[in-house]
Amino acid sequence: MKTNNLDITELTPKIQKRDRHYAKLTGILKIAYIVFIVLYALNLLIEYFTGEPTREIVISIFYLLGFSSISVYIFIYHKKLKYANYALPTLQMLKEFIKRYRIFPPITWVVVLGIVFLLTGSYLKDITTFYVFLISFILGIIVGFIIYFIKDKPLVNAAKQLIKELEEV
């Protein structure tokens, strides 16, 4: 079956390449987020036991909750990418790929919650930190959408077209 100049033998290696790329990226992010969580947990303990103002403790709690929430998503997504099964029947493998590459998977709310926690903590810290975090998140979202629509969406569309063709047969 051939669609959009891609047949299943051409599409599968491209899917595997994207999965490997994102698995590597999420693997690095997992390590970074573990470091952030450990550092903020230690910071929180130090602040608590040294009698820091309650405000500083609350800020650390928000940062810790934010990094923890986002890390849940990263861990789940990394596992899906790392253990993607390309030996499944073609139709099932393509449907699993499309589920992995939804622009807003059901677990997105965890990331949104994490961002809200991080923005709240940064707002409580000071307004400059808040704007730095806010601008960083907005730029990250814009770059993420651009990458998705340039690199991932064409593969998703090709997979959807192949599914349509396979289901018609």
Protein backbone atom coordinates (compact mmCIF):
# COMPACT_ATOMS: atom_id res chain seq x y z
CA MET A 1 0.00 0.00 0.00
CA LYS A 2 1.32 3.40 -0.94
CA THR A 3 0.01 6.80 0.10
CA ASN A 4 1.47 10.30 -0.02
CA ASN A 5 4.53 8.70 -1.62
CA LEU A 6 5.01 6.54 1.50
CA ASP A 7 4.23 2.87 1.84
CA ILE A 8 4.42 0.90 5.07
CA THR A 9 8.01 -0.18 4.39
CA GLU A 10 9.04 3.49 4.11
CA LEU A 11 6.83 4.79 6.91
CA THR A 12 7.87 2.31 9.60
CA PRO A 13 11.58 3.32 9.64
CA LYS A 14 10.56 6.99 9.80
CA ILE A 15 8.27 6.25 12.75
CA GLN A 16 11.04 4.30 14.48
CA LYS A 17 13.47 7.17 13.92
CA ARG A 18 11.06 9.72 15.48
CA ASP A 19 10.37 7.37 18.40
CA ARG A 20 14.12 6.89 19.02
CA HIS A 21 14.68 10.65 18.85
CA TYR A 22 11.93 11.41 21.36
CA ALA A 23 12.93 8.47 23.59
CA LYS A 24 16.46 9.87 23.77
CA LEU A 25 15.14 13.38 24.48
CA THR A 26 12.73 12.21 27.18
CA GLY A 27 15.49 10.07 28.69
CA ILE A 28 17.62 13.20 29.10
CA LEU A 29 14.63 15.12 30.48
CA LYS A 30 13.95 12.32 32.99
CA ILE A 31 17.45 12.74 34.40
CA ALA A 32 17.15 16.55 34.47
CA TYR A 33 13.79 16.43 36.23
CA ILE A 34 15.04 13.90 38.78
CA VAL A 35 17.91 16.29 39.54
CA PHE A 36 15.48 19.24 39.86
CA ILE A 37 13.18 17.26 42.14
CA VAL A 38 16.04 16.12 44.39
CA LEU A 39 17.52 19.63 44.55
CA TYR A 40 14.19 21.27 45.39
CA ALA A 41 13.39 18.56 47.95
CA LEU A 42 16.77 19.14 49.61
CA ASN A 43 16.26 22.90 49.40
CA LEU A 44 12.83 22.50 50.98
CA LEU A 45 14.27 20.46 53.86
CA ILE A 46 17.08 22.95 54.42
CA GLU A 47 14.66 25.88 54.38
CA TYR A 48 12.33 24.11 56.80
CA PHE A 49 15.02 23.15 59.30
CA THR A 50 16.87 26.47 59.16
CA GLY A 51 13.71 28.41 59.88
CA GLU A 52 13.38 30.18 56.53
CA PRO A 53 10.27 32.30 56.10
CA THR A 54 7.12 30.40 55.25
CA ARG A 55 6.97 32.18 51.89
CA GLU A 56 10.28 30.60 50.77
CA ILE A 57 9.05 27.17 51.85
CA VAL A 58 5.79 27.61 49.92
CA ILE A 59 7.74 28.68 46.81
CA SER A 60 9.89 25.53 47.05
CA ILE A 61 6.77 23.39 47.47
CA PHE A 62 5.26 24.86 44.29
CA TYR A 63 8.49 24.24 42.35
CA LEU A 64 8.70 20.69 43.70
CA LEU A 65 5.07 20.00 42.76
CA GLY A 66 5.59 21.51 39.31
CA PHE A 67 8.67 19.48 38.47
CA SER A 68 7.07 16.33 39.92
CA SER A 69 3.88 16.76 37.88
CA ILE A 70 5.71 17.30 34.61
CA SER A 71 8.06 14.41 35.34
CA VAL A 72 5.06 12.05 35.58
CA TYR A 73 4.23 12.87 31.96
CA ILE A 74 7.86 12.55 30.87
CA PHE A 75 8.22 9.13 32.52
CA ILE A 76 5.00 7.80 30.94
CA TYR A 77 5.79 9.19 27.48
CA HIS A 78 9.38 7.87 27.64
CA LYS A 79 8.13 4.39 28.46
CA LYS A 80 5.64 4.47 25.55
CA LEU A 81 8.38 5.53 23.14
CA LYS A 82 11.08 3.21 24.41
CA TYR A 83 8.84 0.14 24.33
CA ALA A 84 6.89 0.86 21.14
CA ASN A 85 6.22 -2.46 19.44
CA TYR A 86 6.76 -2.45 15.69
CA ALA A 87 6.13 -6.20 15.43
CA LEU A 88 2.42 -5.70 15.99
CA PRO A 89 0.10 -6.23 13.05
CA THR A 90 0.42 -3.24 10.71
CA LEU A 91 -2.99 -1.76 11.47
CA GLN A 92 -2.50 -2.00 15.23
CA MET A 93 1.07 -0.61 15.05
CA LEU A 94 -0.13 2.40 13.05
CA LYS A 95 -2.98 3.07 15.47
CA GLU A 96 -0.57 2.90 18.41
CA PHE A 97 1.72 5.36 16.63
CA ILE A 98 -1.15 7.80 16.13
CA LYS A 99 -2.06 7.50 19.83
CA ARG A 100 1.56 8.25 20.82
CA TYR A 101 1.68 11.32 18.60
CA ARG A 102 -1.59 13.01 19.52
CA ILE A 103 -0.94 16.69 19.97
CA PHE A 104 -2.92 16.72 23.24
CA PRO A 105 -2.89 13.24 24.80
CA PRO A 106 -5.28 12.66 27.74
CA ILE A 107 -2.45 13.08 30.26
CA THR A 108 -1.74 16.66 29.09
CA TRP A 109 -3.58 17.96 32.16
CA VAL A 110 -0.62 16.79 34.29
CA VAL A 111 1.74 19.03 32.32
CA VAL A 112 -0.67 21.96 32.54
CA LEU A 113 -0.93 21.43 36.31
CA GLY A 114 2.88 21.32 36.55
CA ILE A 115 3.20 24.55 34.59
CA VAL A 116 0.61 26.22 36.84
CA PHE A 117 2.60 25.11 39.93
CA LEU A 118 5.87 26.41 38.44
CA LEU A 119 4.31 29.71 37.41
CA THR A 120 2.71 30.12 40.84
CA GLY A 121 6.03 29.48 42.57
CA SER A 122 7.85 31.88 40.26
CA TYR A 123 5.18 34.55 40.78
CA LEU A 124 5.55 34.23 44.55
CA LYS A 125 9.33 34.50 44.19
CA ASP A 126 9.34 37.71 42.14
CA ILE A 127 7.73 39.17 39.05
CA THR A 128 10.90 38.94 36.93
CA THR A 129 11.21 35.20 37.56
CA PHE A 130 7.52 34.82 36.73
CA TYR A 131 7.93 36.55 33.36
CA VAL A 132 11.06 34.53 32.55
CA PHE A 133 9.15 31.29 33.26
CA LEU A 134 6.06 32.49 31.37
CA ILE A 135 8.02 33.57 28.28
CA SER A 136 10.02 30.31 28.38
CA PHE A 137 6.84 28.23 28.49
CA ILE A 138 5.22 30.22 25.68
CA LEU A 139 8.33 29.93 23.47
CA GLY A 140 8.59 26.21 24.29
CA ILE A 141 4.97 25.66 23.28
CA ILE A 142 5.43 27.59 20.02
CA VAL A 143 8.62 25.68 19.13
CA GLY A 144 6.90 22.40 20.07
CA PHE A 145 3.96 23.12 17.77
CA ILE A 146 6.26 24.10 14.90
CA ILE A 147 8.28 20.89 15.29
CA TYR A 148 5.09 18.83 15.55
CA PHE A 149 3.53 20.26 12.41
CA ILE A 150 6.75 20.07 10.37
CA LYS A 151 8.16 16.69 11.46
CA ASP A 152 5.44 14.65 13.17
CA LYS A 153 2.11 15.65 11.60
CA PRO A 154 3.10 14.47 8.08
CA LEU A 155 3.91 11.03 9.52
CA VAL A 156 0.63 10.97 11.45
CA ASN A 157 -1.29 11.94 8.30
CA ALA A 158 0.48 9.23 6.29
CA ALA A 159 -0.32 6.67 9.01
CA LYS A 160 -3.99 7.75 9.03
CA GLN A 161 -4.15 7.42 5.25
CA LEU A 162 -2.60 3.94 5.39
CA ILE A 163 -5.07 2.92 8.10
CA LYS A 164 -7.92 4.16 5.92
CA GLU A 165 -6.62 2.17 2.96
CA LEU A 166 -6.05 -0.97 5.06
CA GLU A 167 -9.54 -0.79 6.55
CA GLU A 168 -11.10 -0.42 3.09
CA VAL A 169 -9.48 -3.65 1.91
